[in-house]
């Protein structure tokens, strides 16, 4: 799990949707925007009920996403807010696949 200083609060979700750039991966969509208040980089994960009906599956995927991001958070440029939204794919990805997708999205968006 990421430290609290790197987790995105829900009040920023609308801001990211309004003015963020979008990058699409295999399992996630990453929306990224510059933070206005000079905070360290913060990221959040969203897994909709449309993706997984079960709260257990939604929470597991979200926790795995935070764990995968933890390996790359130190390399991310400061002052960024980002939101990873899960895409409906029909199967539940393994941790290695989630980690690869998150790393690919961070590279695609030139955050690392």
PDB file of N, CA and C in Angstrom:
ATOM      1  N   UNK A   1       0.840  -1.179   0.000  1.00  0.00           N
ATOM      2  CA  UNK A   1       0.000   0.000   0.000  1.00  0.00           C
ATOM      3  C   UNK A   1       0.884   1.241   0.000  1.00  0.00           C
ATOM      4  N   UNK A   2       0.461   2.237  -0.714  1.00  0.00           N
ATOM      5  CA  UNK A   2       1.198   3.503  -0.750  1.00  0.00           C
ATOM      6  C   UNK A   2       1.044   4.252   0.570  1.00  0.00           C
ATOM      7  N   UNK A   3       2.015   5.079   0.866  1.00  0.00           N
ATOM      8  CA  UNK A   3       1.902   5.955   2.024  1.00  0.00           C
ATOM      9  C   UNK A   3       0.766   6.947   1.770  1.00  0.00           C
ATOM     10  N   UNK A   4       0.176   7.441   2.829  1.00  0.00           N
ATOM     11  CA  UNK A   4      -0.966   8.353   2.725  1.00  0.00           C
ATOM     12  C   UNK A   4      -0.613   9.615   1.931  1.00  0.00           C
ATOM     13  N   UNK A   5       0.628  10.057   2.010  1.00  0.00           N
ATOM     14  CA  UNK A   5       1.021  11.279   1.287  1.00  0.00           C
ATOM     15  C   UNK A   5       1.009  11.089  -0.223  1.00  0.00           C
ATOM     16  N   UNK A   6       1.012   9.848  -0.691  1.00  0.00           N
ATOM     17  CA  UNK A   6       0.992   9.569  -2.127  1.00  0.00           C
ATOM     18  C   UNK A   6      -0.357   9.051  -2.624  1.00  0.00           C
ATOM     19  N   UNK A   7      -1.332   8.888  -1.722  1.00  0.00           N
ATOM     20  CA  UNK A   7      -2.661   8.440  -2.132  1.00  0.00           C
ATOM     21  C   UNK A   7      -3.539   9.639  -2.426  1.00  0.00           C
ATOM     22  N   UNK A   8      -4.289   9.535  -3.492  1.00  0.00           N
ATOM     23  CA  UNK A   8      -5.150  10.623  -3.944  1.00  0.00           C
ATOM     24  C   UNK A   8      -6.467  10.603  -3.185  1.00  0.00           C
ATOM     25  N   UNK A   9      -6.902  11.760  -2.731  1.00  0.00           N
ATOM     26  CA  UNK A   9      -8.189  11.876  -2.054  1.00  0.00           C
ATOM     27  C   UNK A   9      -9.292  12.035  -3.107  1.00  0.00           C
ATOM     28  N   UNK A  10     -10.480  11.614  -2.757  1.00  0.00           N
ATOM     29  CA  UNK A  10     -11.603  11.637  -3.705  1.00  0.00           C
ATOM     30  C   UNK A  10     -11.936  13.039  -4.203  1.00  0.00           C
ATOM     31  N   UNK A  11     -11.646  14.060  -3.429  1.00  0.00           N
ATOM     32  CA  UNK A  11     -12.004  15.419  -3.853  1.00  0.00           C
ATOM     33  C   UNK A  11     -11.250  15.833  -5.117  1.00  0.00           C
ATOM     34  N   UNK A  12     -10.147  15.143  -5.443  1.00  0.00           N
ATOM     35  CA  UNK A  12      -9.381  15.460  -6.652  1.00  0.00           C
ATOM     36  C   UNK A  12      -9.856  14.683  -7.878  1.00  0.00           C
ATOM     37  N   UNK A  13     -10.719  13.683  -7.717  1.00  0.00           N
ATOM     38  CA  UNK A  13     -11.140  12.851  -8.842  1.00  0.00           C
ATOM     39  C   UNK A  13     -11.815  13.691  -9.934  1.00  0.00           C
ATOM     40  N   UNK A  14     -12.724  14.576  -9.558  1.00  0.00           N
ATOM     41  CA  UNK A  14     -13.429  15.409 -10.544  1.00  0.00           C
ATOM     42  C   UNK A  14     -12.453  16.328 -11.271  1.00  0.00           C
ATOM     43  N   UNK A  15     -11.511  16.883 -10.556  1.00  0.00           N
ATOM     44  CA  UNK A  15     -10.502  17.761 -11.156  1.00  0.00           C
ATOM     45  C   UNK A  15      -9.705  17.016 -12.227  1.00  0.00           C
ATOM     46  N   UNK A  16      -9.342  15.779 -11.950  1.00  0.00           N
ATOM     47  CA  UNK A  16      -8.592  14.990 -12.921  1.00  0.00           C
ATOM     48  C   UNK A  16      -9.439  14.704 -14.149  1.00  0.00           C
ATOM     49  N   UNK A  17     -10.709  14.352 -13.948  1.00  0.00           N
ATOM     50  CA  UNK A  17     -11.580  14.071 -15.086  1.00  0.00           C
ATOM     51  C   UNK A  17     -11.805  15.312 -15.942  1.00  0.00           C
ATOM     52  N   UNK A  18     -11.853  16.484 -15.317  1.00  0.00           N
ATOM     53  CA  UNK A  18     -12.112  17.718 -16.056  1.00  0.00           C
ATOM     54  C   UNK A  18     -10.924  18.181 -16.892  1.00  0.00           C
ATOM     55  N   UNK A  19      -9.709  18.075 -16.362  1.00  0.00           N
ATOM     56  CA  UNK A  19      -8.580  18.666 -17.078  1.00  0.00           C
ATOM     57  C   UNK A  19      -7.387  17.738 -17.256  1.00  0.00           C
ATOM     58  N   UNK A  20      -7.581  16.449 -17.050  1.00  0.00           N
ATOM     59  CA  UNK A  20      -6.470  15.512 -17.136  1.00  0.00           C
ATOM     60  C   UNK A  20      -6.260  14.945 -18.534  1.00  0.00           C
ATOM     61  N   UNK A  21      -5.024  14.550 -18.810  1.00  0.00           N
ATOM     62  CA  UNK A  21      -4.692  13.845 -20.045  1.00  0.00           C
ATOM     63  C   UNK A  21      -4.946  12.358 -19.831  1.00  0.00           C
ATOM     64  N   UNK A  22      -5.351  11.652 -20.885  1.00  0.00           N
ATOM     65  CA  UNK A  22      -5.745  10.254 -20.767  1.00  0.00           C
ATOM     66  C   UNK A  22      -4.775   9.347 -21.510  1.00  0.00           C
ATOM     67  N   UNK A  23      -4.430   8.224 -20.873  1.00  0.00           N
ATOM     68  CA  UNK A  23      -3.578   7.201 -21.472  1.00  0.00           C
ATOM     69  C   UNK A  23      -4.241   5.857 -21.211  1.00  0.00           C
ATOM     70  N   UNK A  24      -4.289   5.011 -22.240  1.00  0.00           N
ATOM     71  CA  UNK A  24      -4.988   3.738 -22.118  1.00  0.00           C
ATOM     72  C   UNK A  24      -4.002   2.582 -22.158  1.00  0.00           C
ATOM     73  N   UNK A  25      -4.145   1.682 -21.204  1.00  0.00           N
ATOM     74  CA  UNK A  25      -3.344   0.473 -21.153  1.00  0.00           C
ATOM     75  C   UNK A  25      -4.221  -0.744 -21.380  1.00  0.00           C
ATOM     76  N   UNK A  26      -3.686  -1.904 -21.063  1.00  0.00           N
ATOM     77  CA  UNK A  26      -4.430  -3.142 -21.263  1.00  0.00           C
ATOM     78  C   UNK A  26      -5.531  -3.327 -20.221  1.00  0.00           C
ATOM     79  N   UNK A  27      -5.263  -2.963 -18.978  1.00  0.00           N
ATOM     80  CA  UNK A  27      -6.217  -3.151 -17.891  1.00  0.00           C
ATOM     81  C   UNK A  27      -6.687  -1.856 -17.243  1.00  0.00           C
ATOM     82  N   UNK A  28      -5.961  -0.766 -17.438  1.00  0.00           N
ATOM     83  CA  UNK A  28      -6.291   0.498 -16.787  1.00  0.00           C
ATOM     84  C   UNK A  28      -6.283   1.652 -17.774  1.00  0.00           C
ATOM     85  N   UNK A  29      -7.031   2.687 -17.431  1.00  0.00           N
ATOM     86  CA  UNK A  29      -6.944   3.989 -18.080  1.00  0.00           C
ATOM     87  C   UNK A  29      -6.318   4.915 -17.042  1.00  0.00           C
ATOM     88  N   UNK A  30      -5.290   5.643 -17.424  1.00  0.00           N
ATOM     89  CA  UNK A  30      -4.627   6.582 -16.523  1.00  0.00           C
ATOM     90  C   UNK A  30      -4.985   8.000 -16.936  1.00  0.00           C
ATOM     91  N   UNK A  31      -5.539   8.751 -16.004  1.00  0.00           N
ATOM     92  CA  UNK A  31      -5.808  10.174 -16.217  1.00  0.00           C
ATOM     93  C   UNK A  31      -4.823  10.927 -15.336  1.00  0.00           C
ATOM     94  N   UNK A  32      -4.106  11.879 -15.934  1.00  0.00           N
ATOM     95  CA  UNK A  32      -3.034  12.596 -15.246  1.00  0.00           C
ATOM     96  C   UNK A  32      -3.233  14.096 -15.397  1.00  0.00           C
ATOM     97  N   UNK A  33      -2.968  14.834 -14.322  1.00  0.00           N
ATOM     98  CA  UNK A  33      -3.016  16.294 -14.351  1.00  0.00           C
ATOM     99  C   UNK A  33      -1.935  16.836 -13.430  1.00  0.00           C
ATOM    100  N   UNK A  34      -1.570  18.086 -13.640  1.00  0.00           N
ATOM    101  CA  UNK A  34      -0.625  18.762 -12.748  1.00  0.00           C
ATOM    102  C   UNK A  34      -1.357  19.175 -11.482  1.00  0.00           C
ATOM    103  N   UNK A  35      -0.702  18.988 -10.352  1.00  0.00           N
ATOM    104  CA  UNK A  35      -1.271  19.422  -9.073  1.00  0.00           C
ATOM    105  C   UNK A  35      -1.000  20.910  -8.912  1.00  0.00           C
ATOM    106  N   UNK A  36      -1.999  21.646  -8.472  1.00  0.00           N
ATOM    107  CA  UNK A  36      -1.846  23.094  -8.338  1.00  0.00           C
ATOM    108  C   UNK A  36      -1.219  23.506  -7.017  1.00  0.00           C
ATOM    109  N   UNK A  37      -1.327  22.662  -6.021  1.00  0.00           N
ATOM    110  CA  UNK A  37      -0.905  23.079  -4.684  1.00  0.00           C
ATOM    111  C   UNK A  37       0.499  22.623  -4.303  1.00  0.00           C
ATOM    112  N   UNK A  38       1.285  22.097  -5.242  1.00  0.00           N
ATOM    113  CA  UNK A  38       2.669  21.739  -4.963  1.00  0.00           C
ATOM    114  C   UNK A  38       2.859  20.533  -4.057  1.00  0.00           C
ATOM    115  N   UNK A  39       1.872  19.676  -3.974  1.00  0.00           N
ATOM    116  CA  UNK A  39       1.975  18.465  -3.161  1.00  0.00           C
ATOM    117  C   UNK A  39       2.855  17.436  -3.857  1.00  0.00           C
ATOM    118  N   UNK A  40       3.309  16.415  -3.131  1.00  0.00           N
ATOM    119  CA  UNK A  40       4.012  15.326  -3.819  1.00  0.00           C
ATOM    120  C   UNK A  40       3.043  14.604  -4.758  1.00  0.00           C
ATOM    121  N   UNK A  41       3.566  13.834  -5.672  1.00  0.00           N
ATOM    122  CA  UNK A  41       2.713  13.105  -6.612  1.00  0.00           C
ATOM    123  C   UNK A  41       1.757  12.197  -5.862  1.00  0.00           C
ATOM    124  N   UNK A  42       0.501  12.211  -6.318  1.00  0.00           N
ATOM    125  CA  UNK A  42      -0.543  11.410  -5.682  1.00  0.00           C
ATOM    126  C   UNK A  42      -1.294  10.632  -6.738  1.00  0.00           C
ATOM    127  N   UNK A  43      -1.646   9.385  -6.395  1.00  0.00           N
ATOM    128  CA  UNK A  43      -2.363   8.532  -7.325  1.00  0.00           C
ATOM    129  C   UNK A  43      -3.504   7.836  -6.609  1.00  0.00           C
ATOM    130  N   UNK A  44      -4.577   7.566  -7.368  1.00  0.00           N
ATOM    131  CA  UNK A  44      -5.718   6.837  -6.845  1.00  0.00           C
ATOM    132  C   UNK A  44      -6.119   5.739  -7.805  1.00  0.00           C
ATOM    133  N   UNK A  45      -6.897   4.793  -7.317  1.00  0.00           N
ATOM    134  CA  UNK A  45      -7.393   3.689  -8.135  1.00  0.00           C
ATOM    135  C   UNK A  45      -8.903   3.630  -8.014  1.00  0.00           C
ATOM    136  N   UNK A  46      -9.543   3.396  -9.146  1.00  0.00           N
ATOM    137  CA  UNK A  46     -10.989   3.273  -9.179  1.00  0.00           C
ATOM    138  C   UNK A  46     -11.345   1.993  -9.924  1.00  0.00           C
ATOM    139  N   UNK A  47     -12.142   1.142  -9.276  1.00  0.00           N
ATOM    140  CA  UNK A  47     -12.625  -0.085  -9.907  1.00  0.00           C
ATOM    141  C   UNK A  47     -14.139  -0.071  -9.759  1.00  0.00           C
ATOM    142  N   UNK A  48     -14.831   0.058 -10.866  1.00  0.00           N
ATOM    143  CA  UNK A  48     -16.274   0.217 -10.881  1.00  0.00           C
ATOM    144  C   UNK A  48     -17.005  -1.099 -10.631  1.00  0.00           C
ATOM    145  N   UNK A  49     -18.259  -0.984 -10.220  1.00  0.00           N
ATOM    146  CA  UNK A  49     -19.112  -2.164 -10.089  1.00  0.00           C
ATOM    147  C   UNK A  49     -19.399  -2.787 -11.449  1.00  0.00           C
ATOM    148  N   UNK A  50     -19.258  -2.001 -12.511  1.00  0.00           N
ATOM    149  CA  UNK A  50     -19.440  -2.556 -13.858  1.00  0.00           C
ATOM    150  C   UNK A  50     -18.318  -3.521 -14.206  1.00  0.00           C
ATOM    151  N   UNK A  51     -17.155  -3.326 -13.596  1.00  0.00           N
ATOM    152  CA  UNK A  51     -16.014  -4.199 -13.855  1.00  0.00           C
ATOM    153  C   UNK A  51     -16.141  -5.475 -13.041  1.00  0.00           C
ATOM    154  N   UNK A  52     -16.316  -5.339 -11.732  1.00  0.00           N
ATOM    155  CA  UNK A  52     -16.478  -6.480 -10.825  1.00  0.00           C
ATOM    156  C   UNK A  52     -17.672  -6.213  -9.919  1.00  0.00           C
ATOM    157  N   UNK A  53     -18.597  -7.113  -9.876  1.00  0.00           N
ATOM    158  CA  UNK A  53     -19.761  -6.970  -8.995  1.00  0.00           C
ATOM    159  C   UNK A  53     -19.370  -7.121  -7.523  1.00  0.00           C
ATOM    160  N   UNK A  54     -18.421  -7.997  -7.270  1.00  0.00           N
ATOM    161  CA  UNK A  54     -18.025  -8.314  -5.898  1.00  0.00           C
ATOM    162  C   UNK A  54     -17.077  -7.247  -5.329  1.00  0.00           C
ATOM    163  N   UNK A  55     -17.403  -6.753  -4.134  1.00  0.00           N
ATOM    164  CA  UNK A  55     -16.539  -5.775  -3.471  1.00  0.00           C
ATOM    165  C   UNK A  55     -15.175  -6.377  -3.154  1.00  0.00           C
ATOM    166  N   UNK A  56     -15.148  -7.669  -2.891  1.00  0.00           N
ATOM    167  CA  UNK A  56     -13.880  -8.346  -2.609  1.00  0.00           C
ATOM    168  C   UNK A  56     -12.942  -8.235  -3.807  1.00  0.00           C
ATOM    169  N   UNK A  57     -13.462  -8.486  -5.010  1.00  0.00           N
ATOM    170  CA  UNK A  57     -12.644  -8.398  -6.223  1.00  0.00           C
ATOM    171  C   UNK A  57     -12.216  -6.963  -6.516  1.00  0.00           C
ATOM    172  N   UNK A  58     -13.134  -6.008  -6.312  1.00  0.00           N
ATOM    173  CA  UNK A  58     -12.795  -4.596  -6.543  1.00  0.00           C
ATOM    174  C   UNK A  58     -11.689  -4.150  -5.592  1.00  0.00           C
ATOM    175  N   UNK A  59     -11.814  -4.480  -4.326  1.00  0.00           N
ATOM    176  CA  UNK A  59     -10.811  -4.067  -3.343  1.00  0.00           C
ATOM    177  C   UNK A  59      -9.483  -4.775  -3.554  1.00  0.00           C
ATOM    178  N   UNK A  60      -9.511  -6.041  -3.926  1.00  0.00           N
ATOM    179  CA  UNK A  60      -8.270  -6.778  -4.191  1.00  0.00           C
ATOM    180  C   UNK A  60      -7.511  -6.128  -5.353  1.00  0.00           C
ATOM    181  N   UNK A  61      -8.229  -5.810  -6.423  1.00  0.00           N
ATOM    182  CA  UNK A  61      -7.588  -5.191  -7.582  1.00  0.00           C
ATOM    183  C   UNK A  61      -7.020  -3.820  -7.226  1.00  0.00           C
ATOM    184  N   UNK A  62      -7.761  -3.058  -6.452  1.00  0.00           N
ATOM    185  CA  UNK A  62      -7.295  -1.731  -6.033  1.00  0.00           C
ATOM    186  C   UNK A  62      -6.038  -1.847  -5.178  1.00  0.00           C
ATOM    187  N   UNK A  63      -6.030  -2.767  -4.229  1.00  0.00           N
ATOM    188  CA  UNK A  63      -4.853  -2.962  -3.371  1.00  0.00           C
ATOM    189  C   UNK A  63      -3.649  -3.441  -4.174  1.00  0.00           C
ATOM    190  N   UNK A  64      -3.883  -4.340  -5.127  1.00  0.00           N
ATOM    191  CA  UNK A  64      -2.780  -4.798  -5.976  1.00  0.00           C
ATOM    192  C   UNK A  64      -2.231  -3.648  -6.811  1.00  0.00           C
ATOM    193  N   UNK A  65      -3.098  -2.757  -7.265  1.00  0.00           N
ATOM    194  CA  UNK A  65      -2.647  -1.596  -8.018  1.00  0.00           C
ATOM    195  C   UNK A  65      -1.764  -0.682  -7.186  1.00  0.00           C
ATOM    196  N   UNK A  66      -2.184  -0.424  -5.948  1.00  0.00           N
ATOM    197  CA  UNK A  66      -1.366   0.401  -5.058  1.00  0.00           C
ATOM    198  C   UNK A  66      -0.011  -0.258  -4.784  1.00  0.00           C
ATOM    199  N   UNK A  67      -0.016  -1.569  -4.608  1.00  0.00           N
ATOM    200  CA  UNK A  67       1.248  -2.282  -4.353  1.00  0.00           C
ATOM    201  C   UNK A  67       2.172  -2.217  -5.559  1.00  0.00           C
ATOM    202  N   UNK A  68       1.618  -2.358  -6.743  1.00  0.00           N
ATOM    203  CA  UNK A  68       2.428  -2.291  -7.963  1.00  0.00           C
ATOM    204  C   UNK A  68       2.987  -0.883  -8.164  1.00  0.00           C
ATOM    205  N   UNK A  69       2.187   0.118  -7.863  1.00  0.00           N
ATOM    206  CA  UNK A  69       2.626   1.508  -8.023  1.00  0.00           C
ATOM    207  C   UNK A  69       3.702   1.872  -7.012  1.00  0.00           C
ATOM    208  N   UNK A  70       3.681   1.231  -5.860  1.00  0.00           N
ATOM    209  CA  UNK A  70       4.646   1.517  -4.797  1.00  0.00           C
ATOM    210  C   UNK A  70       6.085   1.348  -5.278  1.00  0.00           C
ATOM    211  N   UNK A  71       6.318   0.408  -6.202  1.00  0.00           N
ATOM    212  CA  UNK A  71       7.655   0.170  -6.732  1.00  0.00           C
ATOM    213  C   UNK A  71       8.160   1.320  -7.613  1.00  0.00           C
ATOM    214  N   UNK A  72       7.240   2.132  -8.143  1.00  0.00           N
ATOM    215  CA  UNK A  72       7.613   3.174  -9.107  1.00  0.00           C
ATOM    216  C   UNK A  72       7.405   4.596  -8.595  1.00  0.00           C
ATOM    217  N   UNK A  73       6.810   4.749  -7.428  1.00  0.00           N
ATOM    218  CA  UNK A  73       6.413   6.085  -6.969  1.00  0.00           C
ATOM    219  C   UNK A  73       7.601   7.023  -6.764  1.00  0.00           C
ATOM    220  N   UNK A  74       8.750   6.499  -6.377  1.00  0.00           N
ATOM    221  CA  UNK A  74       9.914   7.357  -6.151  1.00  0.00           C
ATOM    222  C   UNK A  74      10.473   7.925  -7.453  1.00  0.00           C
ATOM    223  N   UNK A  75      10.241   7.241  -8.569  1.00  0.00           N
ATOM    224  CA  UNK A  75      10.754   7.693  -9.860  1.00  0.00           C
ATOM    225  C   UNK A  75       9.825   8.699 -10.543  1.00  0.00           C
ATOM    226  N   UNK A  76       8.603   8.849 -10.037  1.00  0.00           N
ATOM    227  CA  UNK A  76       7.626   9.747 -10.659  1.00  0.00           C
ATOM    228  C   UNK A  76       7.971  11.190 -10.339  1.00  0.00           C
ATOM    229  N   UNK A  77       7.858  12.050 -11.353  1.00  0.00           N
ATOM    230  CA  UNK A  77       8.086  13.482 -11.160  1.00  0.00           C
ATOM    231  C   UNK A  77       7.095  14.035 -10.138  1.00  0.00           C
ATOM    232  N   UNK A  78       7.507  15.030  -9.369  1.00  0.00           N
ATOM    233  CA  UNK A  78       6.643  15.615  -8.342  1.00  0.00           C
ATOM    234  C   UNK A  78       5.550  16.495  -8.925  1.00  0.00           C
ATOM    235  N   UNK A  79       4.513  16.744  -8.130  1.00  0.00           N
ATOM    236  CA  UNK A  79       3.444  17.655  -8.534  1.00  0.00           C
ATOM    237  C   UNK A  79       2.454  17.072  -9.521  1.00  0.00           C
ATOM    238  N   UNK A  80       2.275  15.763  -9.520  1.00  0.00           N
ATOM    239  CA  UNK A  80       1.362  15.101 -10.450  1.00  0.00           C
ATOM    240  C   UNK A  80       0.242  14.447  -9.656  1.00  0.00           C
ATOM    241  N   UNK A  81      -0.996  14.559 -10.158  1.00  0.00           N
ATOM    242  CA  UNK A  81      -2.091  13.777  -9.608  1.00  0.00           C
ATOM    243  C   UNK A  81      -2.597  12.865 -10.713  1.00  0.00           C
ATOM    244  N   UNK A  82      -2.842  11.616 -10.373  1.00  0.00           N
ATOM    245  CA  UNK A  82      -3.248  10.642 -11.378  1.00  0.00           C
ATOM    246  C   UNK A  82      -4.287   9.681 -10.842  1.00  0.00           C
ATOM    247  N   UNK A  83      -5.111   9.185 -11.754  1.00  0.00           N
ATOM    248  CA  UNK A  83      -6.157   8.243 -11.399  1.00  0.00           C
ATOM    249  C   UNK A  83      -6.119   7.068 -12.364  1.00  0.00           C
ATOM    250  N   UNK A  84      -5.963   5.873 -11.823  1.00  0.00           N
ATOM    251  CA  UNK A  84      -6.018   4.640 -12.598  1.00  0.00           C
ATOM    252  C   UNK A  84      -7.436   4.092 -12.495  1.00  0.00           C
ATOM    253  N   UNK A  85      -8.125   3.960 -13.630  1.00  0.00           N
ATOM    254  CA  UNK A  85      -9.469   3.387 -13.661  1.00  0.00           C
ATOM    255  C   UNK A  85      -9.415   2.047 -14.369  1.00  0.00           C
ATOM    256  N   UNK A  86      -9.968   1.035 -13.749  1.00  0.00           N
ATOM    257  CA  UNK A  86      -9.945  -0.318 -14.304  1.00  0.00           C
ATOM    258  C   UNK A  86     -10.877  -0.410 -15.500  1.00  0.00           C
ATOM    259  N   UNK A  87     -10.427  -1.139 -16.539  1.00  0.00           N
ATOM    260  CA  UNK A  87     -11.213  -1.377 -17.741  1.00  0.00           C
ATOM    261  C   UNK A  87     -11.829  -2.767 -17.638  1.00  0.00           C
ATOM    262  N   UNK A  88     -13.046  -2.919 -18.110  1.00  0.00           N
ATOM    263  CA  UNK A  88     -13.693  -4.234 -18.123  1.00  0.00           C
ATOM    264  C   UNK A  88     -13.033  -5.105 -19.186  1.00  0.00           C
ATOM    265  N   UNK A  89     -12.428  -6.222 -18.771  1.00  0.00           N
ATOM    266  CA  UNK A  89     -11.705  -7.089 -19.708  1.00  0.00           C
ATOM    267  C   UNK A  89     -12.250  -8.507 -19.763  1.00  0.00           C
ATOM    268  N   UNK A  90     -13.076  -8.887 -18.824  1.00  0.00           N
ATOM    269  CA  UNK A  90     -13.628 -10.229 -18.831  1.00  0.00           C
ATOM    270  C   UNK A  90     -12.883 -11.211 -17.939  1.00  0.00           C
ATOM    271  N   UNK A  91     -11.643 -10.903 -17.591  1.00  0.00           N
ATOM    272  CA  UNK A  91     -10.902 -11.763 -16.672  1.00  0.00           C
ATOM    273  C   UNK A  91     -10.211 -10.900 -15.630  1.00  0.00           C
ATOM    274  N   UNK A  92      -9.930 -11.500 -14.490  1.00  0.00           N
ATOM    275  CA  UNK A  92      -9.234 -10.770 -13.433  1.00  0.00           C
ATOM    276  C   UNK A  92      -7.733 -10.949 -13.644  1.00  0.00           C
ATOM    277  N   UNK A  93      -6.990  -9.849 -13.870  1.00  0.00           N
ATOM    278  CA  UNK A  93      -5.550  -9.977 -14.129  1.00  0.00           C
ATOM    279  C   UNK A  93      -4.778 -10.376 -12.878  1.00  0.00           C
ATOM    280  N   UNK A  94      -3.683 -11.050 -13.097  1.00  0.00           N
ATOM    281  CA  UNK A  94      -2.777 -11.418 -12.005  1.00  0.00           C
ATOM    282  C   UNK A  94      -1.952 -10.186 -11.631  1.00  0.00           C
ATOM    283  N   UNK A  95      -1.303 -10.247 -10.461  1.00  0.00           N
ATOM    284  CA  UNK A  95      -0.523  -9.115  -9.973  1.00  0.00           C
ATOM    285  C   UNK A  95       0.571  -8.716 -10.961  1.00  0.00           C
ATOM    286  N   UNK A  96       1.244  -9.687 -11.568  1.00  0.00           N
ATOM    287  CA  UNK A  96       2.327  -9.392 -12.517  1.00  0.00           C
ATOM    288  C   UNK A  96       1.789  -8.614 -13.718  1.00  0.00           C
ATOM    289  N   UNK A  97       0.595  -8.957 -14.179  1.00  0.00           N
ATOM    290  CA  UNK A  97       0.000  -8.249 -15.316  1.00  0.00           C
ATOM    291  C   UNK A  97      -0.390  -6.823 -14.930  1.00  0.00           C
ATOM    292  N   UNK A  98      -0.917  -6.658 -13.729  1.00  0.00           N
ATOM    293  CA  UNK A  98      -1.263  -5.316 -13.245  1.00  0.00           C
ATOM    294  C   UNK A  98      -0.001  -4.467 -13.141  1.00  0.00           C
ATOM    295  N   UNK A  99       1.042  -5.030 -12.580  1.00  0.00           N
ATOM    296  CA  UNK A  99       2.306  -4.311 -12.416  1.00  0.00           C
ATOM    297  C   UNK A  99       2.889  -3.888 -13.766  1.00  0.00           C
ATOM    298  N   UNK A 100       2.865  -4.787 -14.743  1.00  0.00           N
ATOM    299  CA  UNK A 100       3.384  -4.464 -16.078  1.00  0.00           C
ATOM    300  C   UNK A 100       2.562  -3.353 -16.724  1.00  0.00           C
ATOM    301  N   UNK A 101       1.238  -3.417 -16.577  1.00  0.00           N
ATOM    302  CA  UNK A 101       0.380  -2.408 -17.185  1.00  0.00           C
ATOM    303  C   UNK A 101       0.598  -1.040 -16.553  1.00  0.00           C
ATOM    304  N   UNK A 102       0.753  -0.997 -15.235  1.00  0.00           N
ATOM    305  CA  UNK A 102       0.977   0.278 -14.554  1.00  0.00           C
ATOM    306  C   UNK A 102       2.315   0.876 -14.969  1.00  0.00           C
ATOM    307  N   UNK A 103       3.346   0.048 -15.030  1.00  0.00           N
ATOM    308  CA  UNK A 103       4.649   0.545 -15.467  1.00  0.00           C
ATOM    309  C   UNK A 103       4.581   1.061 -16.905  1.00  0.00           C
ATOM    310  N   UNK A 104       3.893   0.332 -17.782  1.00  0.00           N
ATOM    311  CA  UNK A 104       3.766   0.765 -19.182  1.00  0.00           C
ATOM    312  C   UNK A 104       3.016   2.093 -19.283  1.00  0.00           C
ATOM    313  N   UNK A 105       1.975   2.266 -18.480  1.00  0.00           N
ATOM    314  CA  UNK A 105       1.224   3.523 -18.506  1.00  0.00           C
ATOM    315  C   UNK A 105       2.059   4.685 -17.981  1.00  0.00           C
ATOM    316  N   UNK A 106       2.842   4.455 -16.951  1.00  0.00           N
ATOM    317  CA  UNK A 106       3.710   5.519 -16.425  1.00  0.00           C
ATOM    318  C   UNK A 106       4.758   5.922 -17.460  1.00  0.00           C
ATOM    319  N   UNK A 107       5.278   4.950 -18.193  1.00  0.00           N
ATOM    320  CA  UNK A 107       6.240   5.266 -19.255  1.00  0.00           C
ATOM    321  C   UNK A 107       5.560   5.981 -20.422  1.00  0.00           C
ATOM    322  N   UNK A 108       4.382   5.504 -20.801  1.00  0.00           N
ATOM    323  CA  UNK A 108       3.633   6.119 -21.896  1.00  0.00           C
ATOM    324  C   UNK A 108       3.309   7.571 -21.607  1.00  0.00           C
ATOM    325  N   UNK A 109       2.979   7.871 -20.355  1.00  0.00           N
ATOM    326  CA  UNK A 109       2.637   9.237 -19.970  1.00  0.00           C
ATOM    327  C   UNK A 109       3.876  10.066 -19.623  1.00  0.00           C
ATOM    328  N   UNK A 110       5.045   9.447 -19.728  1.00  0.00           N
ATOM    329  CA  UNK A 110       6.340  10.090 -19.470  1.00  0.00           C
ATOM    330  C   UNK A 110       6.479  10.612 -18.042  1.00  0.00           C
ATOM    331  N   UNK A 111       5.894   9.878 -17.120  1.00  0.00           N
ATOM    332  CA  UNK A 111       6.052  10.219 -15.711  1.00  0.00           C
ATOM    333  C   UNK A 111       7.305   9.578 -15.121  1.00  0.00           C
ATOM    334  N   UNK A 112       7.787   8.499 -15.739  1.00  0.00           N
ATOM    335  CA  UNK A 112       9.050   7.879 -15.318  1.00  0.00           C
ATOM    336  C   UNK A 112       9.933   7.714 -16.539  1.00  0.00           C
TER     337      UNK A 112
END
